[in-house]
Amino acid sequence: MIEYDIPRIFSGFPNLIAAQSTRLGGSSFPPYNSLNLGLNTDDAPKTVEQNRRQFFSALGFSEHEVVGAYQVHGTRIHIATKPEMLRGYDAFITQKKGLLLSVTIADCVPVLIYDSGNQVVAAIHSGWKGTARKITTATLQKMTADFGTKPADCFVYIGTSICAKTFEVDEDVAQYFSASYKYKDEARQKYLIDLRRHNHDQLLAQGVLPENIEVSTHSTVLDNNRYFSYRKEKGTTGRMLAVIGLI
């Protein structure tokens, strides 16, 4: 049986479906074992399609009701009105019921937003580039501009990703982050970056209430037996999905 995580922050909203998949319960063979949902991997396409059908079905959706993209670590945001697979977008917003927004994850930070006042949802893929460029801020601002979202009405899940203890980078990446979000290990001459806290603070700065934000306590690297990690598995691994939709 496939396994996935359900954010507690959304438990009081029966009109909402949100989840983040794990790597467990699918049909893929190593190194993609086993619930690989990534279309852009070298896994057998039919197996990936089967895994995706099972995952979506468990949530009450079909693969024909999903919005996603081949992501590029940018800041482009798509207002979704129909099921489709796109290129070049890293965030999605919709007010349409029966449409499941999805972002692909294997270390990057997934951010799922629910505007309880205007019935709008968003799914964000925030890697280090997206985080540094404040894609979460941009998505909330677009929700406000296009749908009248008030951040105080929003509930947010910051999902499982690489953690601050394991996201080790050099100066070429660290230069894009302020001192609040990086720590230099002098012994190794490496920096550790806290991507989740950066996204969390972007939400707070826009007016999301701290009690309305849930942050995953798991790590794709430290909990690699349950989650795919691009870094831990040196680039040859599966992908997870973080999804949200109105019903």
Protein backbone atom coordinates (compact mmCIF):
# COMPACT_ATOMS: atom_id res chain seq x y z
CA MET A 1 0.00 0.00 0.00
CA ILE A 2 1.30 3.43 -0.90
CA GLU A 3 2.24 5.75 1.94
CA TYR A 4 1.86 9.53 2.04
CA ASP A 5 1.84 12.31 4.61
CA ILE A 6 -1.24 14.43 5.32
CA PRO A 7 -0.61 17.92 6.77
CA ARG A 8 -2.31 18.36 10.14
CA ILE A 9 -2.78 22.09 9.52
CA PHE A 10 -5.51 21.33 6.95
CA SER A 11 -7.40 18.77 9.03
CA GLY A 12 -10.30 21.12 9.79
CA PHE A 13 -11.18 21.69 6.13
CA PRO A 14 -13.23 18.84 4.62
CA ASN A 15 -13.37 20.64 1.26
CA LEU A 16 -9.59 20.40 0.89
CA ILE A 17 -7.26 17.60 -0.21
CA ALA A 18 -3.54 17.97 0.51
CA ALA A 19 -0.71 15.46 0.81
CA GLN A 20 2.96 14.79 0.23
CA SER A 21 3.96 11.41 -1.11
CA THR A 22 6.77 9.28 0.32
CA ARG A 23 8.94 6.77 -1.50
CA LEU A 24 7.03 3.79 -0.06
CA GLY A 25 4.44 1.47 -1.55
CA GLY A 26 5.00 1.81 -5.28
CA SER A 27 6.16 -0.52 -8.04
CA SER A 28 9.49 0.97 -9.13
CA PHE A 29 12.72 -1.00 -8.82
CA PRO A 30 15.98 0.40 -7.36
CA PRO A 31 17.30 3.04 -7.52
CA TYR A 32 13.79 4.45 -7.92
CA ASN A 33 12.24 2.24 -5.27
CA SER A 34 9.45 2.35 -4.95
CA LEU A 35 6.79 5.10 -5.23
CA ASN A 36 8.56 7.14 -7.88
CA LEU A 37 6.14 9.77 -9.22
CA GLY A 38 8.67 11.67 -11.32
CA LEU A 39 7.88 11.88 -15.04
CA ASN A 40 11.30 13.35 -15.74
CA THR A 41 13.37 10.40 -14.48
CA ASP A 42 14.93 7.40 -16.22
CA ASP A 43 12.54 5.01 -14.50
CA ALA A 44 10.23 2.90 -16.68
CA PRO A 45 7.48 5.29 -17.87
CA LYS A 46 4.70 2.72 -17.46
CA THR A 47 5.74 2.08 -13.87
CA VAL A 48 5.78 5.78 -13.06
CA GLU A 49 2.34 6.17 -14.62
CA GLN A 50 1.05 3.27 -12.53
CA ASN A 51 2.51 4.80 -9.37
CA ARG A 52 0.91 8.15 -10.17
CA ARG A 53 -2.49 6.59 -10.83
CA GLN A 54 -2.36 4.81 -7.47
CA PHE A 55 -1.31 7.94 -5.60
CA PHE A 56 -3.95 10.18 -7.16
CA SER A 57 -6.62 7.52 -6.73
CA ALA A 58 -5.84 7.24 -3.02
CA LEU A 59 -6.64 10.96 -2.75
CA GLY A 60 -9.86 10.68 -4.74
CA PHE A 61 -8.49 12.10 -8.00
CA SER A 62 -7.53 10.69 -11.39
CA GLU A 63 -4.39 11.45 -13.37
CA HIS A 64 -6.65 13.48 -15.69
CA GLU A 65 -7.44 16.01 -12.96
CA VAL A 66 -3.86 17.07 -12.19
CA VAL A 67 -1.84 20.21 -12.94
CA GLY A 68 1.95 19.99 -12.92
CA ALA A 69 5.07 21.10 -14.74
CA TYR A 70 8.60 20.22 -15.66
CA GLN A 71 10.04 22.68 -13.15
CA VAL A 72 13.02 24.94 -13.79
CA HIS A 73 13.86 26.39 -10.33
CA GLY A 74 12.45 29.74 -11.42
CA THR A 75 9.73 32.04 -10.13
CA ARG A 76 7.02 31.76 -12.80
CA ILE A 77 3.52 31.22 -11.41
CA HIS A 78 0.64 29.66 -13.36
CA ILE A 79 -3.04 30.30 -12.67
CA ALA A 80 -4.50 26.86 -13.30
CA THR A 81 -7.96 26.41 -14.81
CA LYS A 82 -7.65 22.94 -16.34
CA PRO A 83 -5.59 19.75 -16.00
CA GLU A 84 -2.29 19.94 -17.90
CA MET A 85 1.45 19.34 -17.77
CA LEU A 86 3.43 22.50 -18.46
CA ARG A 87 7.05 23.60 -18.70
CA GLY A 88 8.79 26.43 -16.95
CA TYR A 89 6.54 26.99 -13.92
CA ASP A 90 7.40 26.38 -10.26
CA ALA A 91 4.16 27.49 -8.62
CA PHE A 92 0.46 27.06 -9.29
CA ILE A 93 -2.68 28.78 -8.02
CA THR A 94 -6.30 27.80 -8.57
CA GLN A 95 -9.81 28.51 -7.36
CA LYS A 96 -11.27 25.70 -9.44
CA LYS A 97 -12.71 22.69 -7.62
CA GLY A 98 -11.71 19.20 -8.70
CA LEU A 99 -8.27 20.28 -9.86
CA LEU A 100 -5.20 18.90 -8.07
CA LEU A 101 -2.10 21.14 -8.08
CA SER A 102 1.19 19.23 -7.91
CA VAL A 103 4.86 20.06 -7.49
CA THR A 104 7.71 17.58 -7.80
CA ILE A 105 10.12 17.20 -4.88
CA ALA A 106 13.35 15.35 -4.05
CA ASP A 107 15.05 17.80 -1.62
CA CYS A 108 13.51 21.16 -2.57
CA VAL A 109 10.92 22.75 -0.30
CA PRO A 110 7.23 22.21 -1.11
CA VAL A 111 4.87 24.91 0.13
CA LEU A 112 1.09 24.34 0.07
CA ILE A 113 -1.22 27.29 0.75
CA TYR A 114 -4.96 27.37 1.43
CA ASP A 115 -6.82 30.69 1.47
CA SER A 116 -9.83 29.83 3.64
CA GLY A 117 -11.54 33.15 2.96
CA ASN A 118 -11.63 33.08 -0.83
CA GLN A 119 -11.26 29.34 -1.38
CA VAL A 120 -7.98 29.50 -3.28
CA VAL A 121 -5.08 27.05 -3.14
CA ALA A 122 -1.46 27.20 -4.24
CA ALA A 123 1.40 24.72 -4.59
CA ILE A 124 4.99 25.95 -4.69
CA HIS A 125 8.30 24.26 -5.54
CA SER A 126 10.99 26.24 -3.75
CA GLY A 127 14.54 25.05 -4.28
CA TRP A 128 17.47 27.17 -3.22
CA LYS A 129 17.11 29.42 -6.25
CA GLY A 130 13.37 29.81 -5.77
CA THR A 131 13.85 30.44 -2.07
CA ALA A 132 16.51 33.09 -2.65
CA ARG A 133 14.26 34.75 -5.24
CA LYS A 134 11.29 34.56 -2.83
CA ILE A 135 8.89 32.52 -4.93
CA THR A 136 6.70 31.99 -1.85
CA THR A 137 6.38 35.74 -1.37
CA ALA A 138 5.59 36.18 -5.06
CA THR A 139 2.91 33.49 -4.97
CA LEU A 140 1.14 35.01 -1.98
CA GLN A 141 1.27 38.43 -3.59
CA LYS A 142 -0.25 37.05 -6.79
CA MET A 143 -2.99 35.34 -4.79
CA THR A 144 -3.72 38.72 -3.20
CA ALA A 145 -3.68 40.59 -6.50
CA ASP A 146 -5.71 38.08 -8.53
CA PHE A 147 -8.07 36.61 -5.94
CA GLY A 148 -8.20 39.09 -3.06
CA THR A 149 -6.39 36.75 -0.68
CA LYS A 150 -5.72 38.04 2.83
CA PRO A 151 -2.61 36.32 4.23
CA ALA A 152 -4.20 36.19 7.70
CA ASP A 153 -6.82 33.83 6.23
CA CYS A 154 -4.18 31.46 4.87
CA PHE A 155 -3.11 28.09 6.23
CA VAL A 156 0.23 26.75 5.04
CA TYR A 157 2.20 23.51 5.02
CA ILE A 158 5.96 23.65 4.48
CA GLY A 159 6.71 20.06 3.56
CA THR A 160 9.52 17.57 3.90
CA SER A 161 12.72 18.66 2.18
CA ILE A 162 16.44 18.82 2.77
CA CYS A 163 17.05 20.23 6.24
CA ALA A 164 19.38 22.91 7.58
CA LYS A 165 21.73 20.28 9.00
CA THR A 166 22.30 18.66 5.62
CA PHE A 167 22.07 21.39 2.97
CA GLU A 168 25.80 22.02 2.68
CA VAL A 169 26.94 24.50 0.02
CA ASP A 170 29.88 26.60 -1.07
CA GLU A 171 30.17 30.36 -1.27
CA ASP A 172 28.70 30.42 -4.79
CA VAL A 173 25.30 29.45 -3.33
CA ALA A 174 25.68 30.90 0.17
CA GLN A 175 26.19 34.41 -1.23
CA TYR A 176 22.47 34.60 -2.06
CA PHE A 177 21.41 34.17 1.57
CA SER A 178 21.65 36.58 4.47
CA ALA A 179 23.37 35.65 7.72
CA SER A 180 20.00 34.76 9.27
CA TYR A 181 19.72 31.68 7.08
CA LYS A 182 23.27 30.37 6.83
CA TYR A 183 25.90 29.00 9.16
CA LYS A 184 29.55 28.56 8.20
CA ASP A 185 31.29 25.41 9.30
CA GLU A 186 34.82 26.72 9.59
CA ALA A 187 36.35 23.26 9.87
CA ARG A 188 34.93 22.15 6.52
CA GLN A 189 34.78 25.63 4.97
CA LYS A 190 31.18 24.96 3.99
CA TYR A 191 27.90 26.75 4.62
CA LEU A 192 24.66 25.21 5.89
CA ILE A 193 21.48 26.86 4.59
CA ASP A 194 18.02 26.75 6.19
CA LEU A 195 15.62 26.83 3.25
CA ARG A 196 12.53 25.94 5.24
CA ARG A 197 12.99 28.80 7.71
CA HIS A 198 13.56 31.22 4.84
CA ASN A 199 10.20 30.21 3.31
CA HIS A 200 8.57 30.34 6.74
CA ASP A 201 9.80 33.91 7.24
CA GLN A 202 8.56 34.93 3.79
CA LEU A 203 5.09 33.83 4.87
CA LEU A 204 5.28 35.76 8.14
CA ALA A 205 6.47 38.89 6.35
CA GLN A 206 3.38 38.80 4.15
CA GLY A 207 1.06 38.51 7.15
CA VAL A 208 0.43 34.77 7.51
CA LEU A 209 -0.16 34.00 11.18
CA PRO A 210 2.54 31.81 12.79
CA GLU A 211 -0.08 29.48 14.26
CA ASN A 212 -1.39 28.84 10.74
CA ILE A 213 1.89 27.41 9.48
CA GLU A 214 2.96 23.78 9.84
CA VAL A 215 6.57 22.85 9.08
CA SER A 216 7.52 19.23 8.48
CA THR A 217 9.90 17.80 11.06
CA HIS A 218 11.29 15.25 8.60
CA SER A 219 14.33 15.50 6.33
CA THR A 220 14.73 13.96 2.88
CA VAL A 221 18.40 13.32 3.66
CA LEU A 222 18.19 12.12 7.27
CA ASP A 223 14.98 10.17 6.63
CA ASN A 224 16.06 8.82 3.25
CA ASN A 225 14.46 5.45 3.97
CA ARG A 226 11.07 7.17 3.68
CA TYR A 227 11.75 10.05 1.27
CA PHE A 228 13.70 10.49 -1.96
CA SER A 229 16.78 12.71 -1.76
CA TYR A 230 18.52 13.91 -4.90
CA ARG A 231 21.57 14.90 -2.90
CA LYS A 232 21.81 11.82 -0.69
CA GLU A 233 21.36 9.49 -3.67
CA LYS A 234 23.71 11.47 -5.90
CA GLY A 235 21.12 12.43 -8.48
CA THR A 236 19.83 8.97 -9.35
CA THR A 237 16.59 8.60 -7.48
CA GLY A 238 12.82 8.99 -7.70
CA ARG A 239 10.61 12.00 -7.10
CA MET A 240 7.79 12.76 -4.70
CA LEU A 241 4.78 15.00 -5.20
CA ALA A 242 3.24 17.59 -2.91
CA VAL A 243 -0.38 18.23 -3.92
CA ILE A 244 -3.34 20.36 -2.93
CA GLY A 245 -6.84 20.75 -4.36
CA LEU A 246 -10.39 21.88 -3.59
CA ILE A 247 -13.27 19.41 -3.69
